[in-house]
Amino acid sequence: MIGLHMLTGQSLLDCFYQSIILLTTVGCHEPTPLTTGTKLFIVGYLTCGIGVVTYGAVQFGQVLMNTDLQALLERRRMEKDISRLTNHFVVCGFGRMGQTLCEYLESRRQPFVVIDDNLCVVLSARL
């Protein structure tokens, strides 16, 4: 807005309007006078603006993908560990009694798998 105001001499409101129109690629009319300096400024303005929006979108996508990817890799690791178990115990439920059983099995170094419908409970396989 300020760059367009300095280059064109138009009102701040007009420059604000035009900067938003330019950045959103809606397009309406070009600022006047359209000098070489104004053209170069608009090119730089659009490049930086689109760069910031693209960077934000990429960062947001990485956060989403990273969370999903971590969950997928953790699940694959868990399934691989469970598939290698033999002669193990299956503890159904991780309530008070299930926790007590798991502590007992762990103290005896016995392999076990916990199955619970609460997603907050970490399914663990002890080798």
Protein backbone atom coordinates (compact mmCIF):
# COMPACT_ATOMS: atom_id res chain seq x y z
CA MET A 1 0.00 0.00 0.00
CA ILE A 2 2.70 2.47 1.00
CA GLY A 3 4.86 1.51 -1.98
CA LEU A 4 1.99 2.10 -4.39
CA HIS A 5 1.16 5.37 -2.63
CA MET A 6 4.75 6.61 -2.96
CA LEU A 7 5.01 5.55 -6.62
CA THR A 8 1.60 6.66 -7.86
CA GLY A 9 0.56 9.46 -5.50
CA GLN A 10 -2.94 8.00 -5.18
CA SER A 11 -4.84 8.06 -1.88
CA LEU A 12 -3.96 5.47 0.78
CA LEU A 13 -7.42 3.94 0.48
CA ASP A 14 -7.05 3.50 -3.29
CA CYS A 15 -3.59 2.01 -2.82
CA PHE A 16 -4.83 -0.34 -0.10
CA TYR A 17 -7.68 -1.46 -2.37
CA GLN A 18 -5.37 -2.00 -5.31
CA SER A 19 -2.80 -3.89 -3.25
CA ILE A 20 -5.49 -6.31 -2.04
CA ILE A 21 -6.88 -6.70 -5.56
CA LEU A 22 -3.40 -7.38 -6.92
CA LEU A 23 -2.39 -9.86 -4.23
CA THR A 24 -5.59 -11.89 -4.42
CA THR A 25 -5.17 -12.01 -8.22
CA VAL A 26 -8.72 -10.80 -8.67
CA GLY A 27 -7.46 -7.91 -10.75
CA CYS A 28 -9.48 -4.89 -11.63
CA HIS A 29 -7.38 -2.13 -13.09
CA GLU A 30 -3.76 -1.24 -12.81
CA PRO A 31 -2.63 1.70 -10.72
CA THR A 32 -1.94 4.89 -12.60
CA PRO A 33 0.49 6.16 -13.63
CA LEU A 34 1.93 2.81 -14.64
CA THR A 35 5.63 3.64 -14.80
CA THR A 36 8.52 1.20 -14.99
CA GLY A 37 9.10 1.64 -11.25
CA THR A 38 5.45 0.89 -10.49
CA LYS A 39 5.57 -2.23 -12.68
CA LEU A 40 8.72 -3.50 -10.93
CA PHE A 41 7.20 -2.77 -7.53
CA ILE A 42 4.02 -4.71 -8.41
CA VAL A 43 6.07 -7.67 -9.65
CA GLY A 44 8.05 -7.74 -6.41
CA TYR A 45 4.90 -7.23 -4.33
CA LEU A 46 3.09 -10.12 -6.01
CA THR A 47 6.14 -12.38 -5.83
CA CYS A 48 6.59 -11.77 -2.10
CA GLY A 49 2.87 -12.05 -1.40
CA ILE A 50 2.45 -15.30 -3.29
CA GLY A 51 5.65 -16.58 -1.68
CA VAL A 52 4.30 -15.89 1.82
CA VAL A 53 0.97 -17.57 1.04
CA THR A 54 2.70 -20.57 -0.53
CA TYR A 55 5.09 -20.89 2.40
CA GLY A 56 2.16 -20.80 4.83
CA ALA A 57 0.29 -23.47 2.88
CA VAL A 58 3.37 -25.71 2.75
CA GLN A 59 3.96 -25.34 6.50
CA PHE A 60 0.32 -26.15 7.23
CA GLY A 61 0.50 -29.19 4.96
CA GLN A 62 3.68 -30.39 6.67
CA VAL A 63 2.05 -30.16 10.08
CA LEU A 64 -0.88 -32.25 8.85
CA MET A 65 1.29 -34.78 7.05
CA ASN A 66 3.84 -35.01 9.84
CA THR A 67 1.15 -35.87 12.37
CA ASP A 68 -0.40 -38.49 10.08
CA LEU A 69 2.99 -39.88 9.09
CA GLN A 70 4.12 -40.24 12.71
CA ALA A 71 0.91 -42.08 13.61
CA LEU A 72 1.30 -44.37 10.59
CA LEU A 73 4.95 -45.17 11.35
CA GLU A 74 4.17 -45.79 15.03
CA ARG A 75 1.35 -48.13 14.11
CA ARG A 76 3.53 -50.04 11.63
CA ARG A 77 6.27 -50.39 14.24
CA MET A 78 3.77 -51.63 16.81
CA GLU A 79 2.25 -54.16 14.41
CA LYS A 80 5.72 -55.40 13.45
CA ASP A 81 6.67 -55.82 17.12
CA ILE A 82 3.43 -57.66 17.86
CA SER A 83 3.84 -59.98 14.87
CA ARG A 84 7.25 -61.10 16.22
CA LEU A 85 5.81 -62.09 19.58
CA THR A 86 5.41 -65.76 20.44
CA ASN A 87 4.11 -67.31 23.63
CA HIS A 88 2.86 -63.97 24.85
CA PHE A 89 -0.02 -62.83 27.03
CA VAL A 90 -2.91 -60.73 25.78
CA VAL A 91 -4.24 -58.26 28.34
CA CYS A 92 -7.75 -57.13 27.46
CA GLY A 93 -8.46 -53.71 28.93
CA PHE A 94 -6.08 -51.33 30.61
CA GLY A 95 -8.12 -50.41 33.65
CA ARG A 96 -6.97 -50.91 37.22
CA MET A 97 -6.72 -54.70 36.89
CA GLY A 98 -5.09 -54.51 33.43
CA GLN A 99 -2.42 -52.14 34.72
CA THR A 100 -1.73 -54.46 37.65
CA LEU A 101 -1.39 -57.43 35.31
CA CYS A 102 0.94 -55.50 33.01
CA GLU A 103 3.14 -54.47 35.93
CA TYR A 104 3.28 -58.08 37.08
CA LEU A 105 4.12 -59.39 33.60
CA GLU A 106 6.75 -56.71 33.09
CA SER A 107 8.39 -57.52 36.44
CA ARG A 108 8.57 -61.17 35.31
CA ARG A 109 9.89 -60.11 31.89
CA GLN A 110 6.99 -61.84 30.15
CA PRO A 111 5.93 -60.68 26.66
CA PHE A 112 2.45 -59.17 26.49
CA VAL A 113 0.13 -57.10 24.34
CA VAL A 114 -2.52 -54.70 25.65
CA ILE A 115 -5.83 -54.34 23.83
CA ASP A 116 -8.10 -51.50 24.91
CA ASP A 117 -10.88 -49.51 23.25
CA ASN A 118 -9.57 -46.24 24.69
CA LEU A 119 -7.37 -44.63 22.03
CA CYS A 120 -5.43 -42.73 24.70
CA VAL A 121 -3.98 -45.99 25.97
CA VAL A 122 -0.72 -46.81 24.27
CA LEU A 123 -0.74 -50.35 22.96
CA SER A 124 2.53 -51.89 23.98
CA ALA A 125 4.33 -55.03 23.07
CA ARG A 126 7.02 -56.16 25.45
CA LEU A 127 9.70 -58.40 23.98
